[in-house]
């Protein structure tokens, strides 16, 4: 789901997937006079995403004992060729 935030002359889009987007902006002043313009935006894939791995456990992370957590991290390091692992 994309989120759009407009603040004065600034537009921020978050949560969009890579692709081409076309936006039409129409402004109207207090006297009813309006104008519109179209902008095209190309969103490219985040190159750092290829280094992300999502792991879904069937239990809460807090339910893991310390030994289980260490074992899981050690196995992940083997699978990921000893990459640095950051747990969020």
N, C-alpha and C. Protein backbone atom coordinates (compact mmCIF):
# COMPACT_ATOMS: atom_id res chain seq x y z
N UNK A 1 0.84 -1.17 0.00
CA UNK A 1 0.00 0.00 0.00
C UNK A 1 0.89 1.23 0.00
N UNK A 2 0.71 2.11 -0.94
CA UNK A 2 1.52 3.32 -1.05
C UNK A 2 0.95 4.39 -0.13
N UNK A 3 1.84 5.12 0.48
CA UNK A 3 1.46 6.27 1.31
C UNK A 3 1.96 7.52 0.62
N UNK A 4 1.12 8.56 0.61
CA UNK A 4 1.49 9.82 -0.02
C UNK A 4 1.42 10.92 1.03
N UNK A 5 2.48 11.70 1.13
CA UNK A 5 2.52 12.83 2.05
C UNK A 5 2.90 14.06 1.25
N UNK A 6 2.09 15.11 1.32
CA UNK A 6 2.40 16.35 0.61
C UNK A 6 2.59 17.44 1.65
N UNK A 7 3.75 18.10 1.62
CA UNK A 7 4.05 19.19 2.55
C UNK A 7 4.61 20.35 1.73
N UNK A 8 3.84 21.39 1.58
CA UNK A 8 4.19 22.54 0.77
C UNK A 8 4.57 22.10 -0.63
N UNK A 9 5.86 22.16 -1.00
CA UNK A 9 6.28 21.79 -2.36
C UNK A 9 7.04 20.48 -2.37
N UNK A 10 6.70 19.60 -1.47
CA UNK A 10 7.43 18.35 -1.31
C UNK A 10 6.45 17.20 -1.34
N UNK A 11 6.74 16.17 -2.12
CA UNK A 11 5.90 14.98 -2.22
C UNK A 11 6.76 13.77 -1.86
N UNK A 12 6.27 12.97 -0.93
CA UNK A 12 7.00 11.78 -0.51
C UNK A 12 6.11 10.56 -0.71
N UNK A 13 6.63 9.57 -1.41
CA UNK A 13 5.91 8.32 -1.62
C UNK A 13 6.65 7.21 -0.89
N UNK A 14 5.94 6.40 -0.14
CA UNK A 14 6.55 5.25 0.53
C UNK A 14 5.69 4.02 0.25
N UNK A 15 6.30 2.88 0.32
CA UNK A 15 5.57 1.63 0.14
C UNK A 15 5.19 1.33 -1.29
N UNK A 16 5.88 1.92 -2.25
CA UNK A 16 5.57 1.64 -3.66
C UNK A 16 6.50 0.54 -4.17
N UNK A 17 6.01 -0.21 -5.12
CA UNK A 17 6.82 -1.26 -5.72
C UNK A 17 7.49 -0.70 -6.98
N UNK A 18 8.61 -1.29 -7.38
CA UNK A 18 9.28 -0.80 -8.58
C UNK A 18 8.33 -0.80 -9.78
N UNK A 19 8.46 0.23 -10.60
CA UNK A 19 7.63 0.36 -11.79
C UNK A 19 7.52 1.81 -12.22
N UNK A 20 6.69 2.05 -13.21
CA UNK A 20 6.48 3.41 -13.74
C UNK A 20 5.12 3.89 -13.27
N UNK A 21 5.08 5.09 -12.73
CA UNK A 21 3.85 5.68 -12.22
C UNK A 21 3.62 7.03 -12.89
N UNK A 22 2.37 7.33 -13.13
CA UNK A 22 2.01 8.63 -13.70
C UNK A 22 1.03 9.30 -12.74
N UNK A 23 1.34 10.54 -12.39
CA UNK A 23 0.52 11.30 -11.45
C UNK A 23 -0.02 12.53 -12.14
N UNK A 24 -1.27 12.82 -11.89
CA UNK A 24 -1.87 14.05 -12.39
C UNK A 24 -2.21 14.91 -11.18
N UNK A 25 -1.72 16.14 -11.21
CA UNK A 25 -1.96 17.08 -10.12
C UNK A 25 -2.81 18.22 -10.63
N UNK A 26 -3.90 18.47 -9.94
CA UNK A 26 -4.77 19.58 -10.29
C UNK A 26 -4.86 20.50 -9.07
N UNK A 27 -4.63 21.77 -9.30
CA UNK A 27 -4.75 22.77 -8.24
C UNK A 27 -5.83 23.78 -8.63
N UNK A 28 -6.54 24.22 -7.61
CA UNK A 28 -7.61 25.21 -7.83
C UNK A 28 -7.45 26.31 -6.79
N UNK A 29 -7.50 27.56 -7.26
CA UNK A 29 -7.36 28.67 -6.32
C UNK A 29 -8.72 29.04 -5.73
N UNK A 30 -8.72 30.04 -4.89
CA UNK A 30 -9.93 30.48 -4.20
C UNK A 30 -11.01 31.00 -5.12
N UNK A 31 -10.66 31.41 -6.33
CA UNK A 31 -11.65 31.93 -7.27
C UNK A 31 -12.12 30.86 -8.26
N UNK A 32 -11.69 29.60 -8.03
CA UNK A 32 -12.15 28.52 -8.90
C UNK A 32 -11.33 28.30 -10.15
N UNK A 33 -10.25 29.08 -10.32
CA UNK A 33 -9.37 28.89 -11.48
C UNK A 33 -8.46 27.70 -11.18
N UNK A 34 -8.39 26.78 -12.14
CA UNK A 34 -7.58 25.59 -11.89
C UNK A 34 -6.62 25.33 -13.04
N UNK A 35 -5.63 24.53 -12.75
CA UNK A 35 -4.66 24.09 -13.74
C UNK A 35 -4.22 22.69 -13.32
N UNK A 36 -3.70 21.95 -14.28
CA UNK A 36 -3.23 20.62 -13.95
C UNK A 36 -1.97 20.30 -14.73
N UNK A 37 -1.22 19.35 -14.20
CA UNK A 37 0.01 18.90 -14.84
C UNK A 37 0.16 17.42 -14.54
N UNK A 38 0.94 16.74 -15.37
CA UNK A 38 1.18 15.32 -15.21
C UNK A 38 2.67 15.09 -15.04
N UNK A 39 3.01 14.21 -14.11
CA UNK A 39 4.42 13.85 -13.89
C UNK A 39 4.54 12.34 -13.97
N UNK A 40 5.63 11.89 -14.54
CA UNK A 40 5.92 10.46 -14.64
C UNK A 40 7.10 10.15 -13.74
N UNK A 41 6.98 9.09 -12.95
CA UNK A 41 8.04 8.71 -12.00
C UNK A 41 8.38 7.24 -12.22
N UNK A 42 9.67 6.96 -12.27
CA UNK A 42 10.12 5.57 -12.37
C UNK A 42 10.75 5.19 -11.03
N UNK A 43 10.21 4.17 -10.38
CA UNK A 43 10.73 3.67 -9.11
C UNK A 43 11.57 2.44 -9.42
N UNK A 44 12.84 2.51 -9.04
CA UNK A 44 13.74 1.39 -9.27
C UNK A 44 13.82 0.52 -8.02
N UNK A 45 14.16 -0.74 -8.20
CA UNK A 45 14.31 -1.66 -7.07
C UNK A 45 15.46 -1.21 -6.18
N UNK A 46 15.30 -1.41 -4.89
CA UNK A 46 16.34 -1.08 -3.91
C UNK A 46 17.44 -2.13 -4.01
N UNK A 47 18.67 -1.74 -4.39
CA UNK A 47 19.73 -2.73 -4.55
C UNK A 47 20.09 -3.44 -3.26
N UNK A 48 19.81 -2.85 -2.11
CA UNK A 48 20.14 -3.51 -0.85
C UNK A 48 19.13 -4.60 -0.50
N UNK A 49 17.97 -4.62 -1.18
CA UNK A 49 16.96 -5.64 -0.88
C UNK A 49 17.44 -7.04 -1.24
N UNK A 50 18.34 -7.14 -2.20
CA UNK A 50 18.80 -8.48 -2.57
C UNK A 50 19.59 -9.13 -1.44
N UNK A 51 20.00 -8.35 -0.46
CA UNK A 51 20.74 -8.88 0.68
C UNK A 51 19.85 -9.14 1.89
N UNK A 52 18.54 -8.97 1.74
CA UNK A 52 17.63 -9.17 2.85
C UNK A 52 17.00 -10.55 2.78
N UNK A 53 16.89 -11.17 3.93
CA UNK A 53 16.23 -12.46 4.04
C UNK A 53 15.18 -12.33 5.14
N UNK A 54 13.98 -12.77 4.85
CA UNK A 54 12.93 -12.74 5.86
C UNK A 54 12.69 -14.17 6.32
N UNK A 55 12.72 -14.36 7.62
CA UNK A 55 12.51 -15.67 8.22
C UNK A 55 11.27 -15.59 9.09
N UNK A 56 10.32 -16.47 8.84
CA UNK A 56 9.10 -16.50 9.64
C UNK A 56 9.13 -17.73 10.52
N UNK A 57 9.06 -17.49 11.82
CA UNK A 57 9.04 -18.58 12.79
C UNK A 57 7.61 -18.85 13.22
N UNK A 58 7.32 -20.07 13.59
CA UNK A 58 5.98 -20.41 14.06
C UNK A 58 5.81 -20.11 15.54
N UNK A 59 6.81 -19.49 16.15
CA UNK A 59 6.75 -19.09 17.56
C UNK A 59 7.25 -17.67 17.68
N UNK A 60 6.91 -17.03 18.76
CA UNK A 60 7.45 -15.69 19.03
C UNK A 60 8.95 -15.81 19.27
N UNK A 61 9.70 -14.84 18.81
CA UNK A 61 11.15 -14.84 19.01
C UNK A 61 11.52 -14.89 20.48
N UNK A 62 10.71 -14.27 21.32
CA UNK A 62 10.99 -14.25 22.76
C UNK A 62 10.79 -15.63 23.40
N UNK A 63 10.12 -16.55 22.69
CA UNK A 63 9.90 -17.90 23.22
C UNK A 63 11.11 -18.81 23.01
N UNK A 64 12.06 -18.38 22.19
CA UNK A 64 13.25 -19.19 21.95
C UNK A 64 14.19 -19.10 23.14
N UNK A 65 14.75 -20.25 23.52
CA UNK A 65 15.78 -20.24 24.55
C UNK A 65 17.08 -19.73 23.91
N UNK A 66 17.99 -19.27 24.72
CA UNK A 66 19.25 -18.70 24.22
C UNK A 66 19.98 -19.70 23.34
N UNK A 67 20.02 -20.96 23.75
CA UNK A 67 20.70 -21.99 22.96
C UNK A 67 20.05 -22.19 21.60
N UNK A 68 18.72 -22.14 21.56
CA UNK A 68 18.00 -22.29 20.30
C UNK A 68 18.28 -21.11 19.38
N UNK A 69 18.31 -19.91 19.95
CA UNK A 69 18.59 -18.71 19.16
C UNK A 69 20.00 -18.76 18.56
N UNK A 70 20.97 -19.17 19.38
CA UNK A 70 22.35 -19.26 18.90
C UNK A 70 22.47 -20.32 17.80
N UNK A 71 21.79 -21.45 17.98
CA UNK A 71 21.82 -22.51 16.97
C UNK A 71 21.20 -22.02 15.66
N UNK A 72 20.08 -21.32 15.74
CA UNK A 72 19.42 -20.79 14.55
C UNK A 72 20.33 -19.80 13.82
N UNK A 73 20.95 -18.90 14.57
CA UNK A 73 21.85 -17.91 13.95
C UNK A 73 23.06 -18.59 13.31
N UNK A 74 23.60 -19.62 13.96
CA UNK A 74 24.76 -20.34 13.40
C UNK A 74 24.38 -21.02 12.09
N UNK A 75 23.20 -21.62 12.03
CA UNK A 75 22.75 -22.28 10.80
C UNK A 75 22.49 -21.27 9.69
N UNK A 76 21.95 -20.11 10.06
CA UNK A 76 21.73 -19.07 9.06
C UNK A 76 23.06 -18.57 8.50
N UNK A 77 24.06 -18.44 9.36
CA UNK A 77 25.37 -18.00 8.89
C UNK A 77 25.94 -18.98 7.88
N UNK A 78 25.73 -20.28 8.12
CA UNK A 78 26.20 -21.29 7.15
C UNK A 78 25.48 -21.14 5.82
N UNK A 79 24.16 -20.95 5.88
CA UNK A 79 23.38 -20.80 4.65
C UNK A 79 23.74 -19.53 3.89
N UNK A 80 24.06 -18.47 4.63
CA UNK A 80 24.33 -17.17 4.01
C UNK A 80 25.82 -16.93 3.82
N UNK A 81 26.61 -18.00 3.87
CA UNK A 81 28.05 -17.90 3.64
C UNK A 81 28.71 -16.92 4.58
N UNK A 82 28.36 -17.04 5.86
CA UNK A 82 28.99 -16.29 6.95
C UNK A 82 28.80 -14.78 6.84
N UNK A 83 27.70 -14.35 6.26
CA UNK A 83 27.39 -12.93 6.18
C UNK A 83 27.04 -12.40 7.57
N UNK A 84 27.16 -11.12 7.74
CA UNK A 84 26.72 -10.50 8.99
C UNK A 84 25.22 -10.61 9.08
N UNK A 85 24.71 -11.01 10.23
CA UNK A 85 23.27 -11.19 10.43
C UNK A 85 22.79 -10.17 11.44
N UNK A 86 21.81 -9.38 11.06
CA UNK A 86 21.17 -8.44 11.96
C UNK A 86 19.74 -8.90 12.19
N UNK A 87 19.39 -9.13 13.44
CA UNK A 87 18.04 -9.57 13.78
C UNK A 87 17.24 -8.37 14.22
N UNK A 88 16.04 -8.22 13.63
CA UNK A 88 15.16 -7.11 14.02
C UNK A 88 13.96 -7.64 14.73
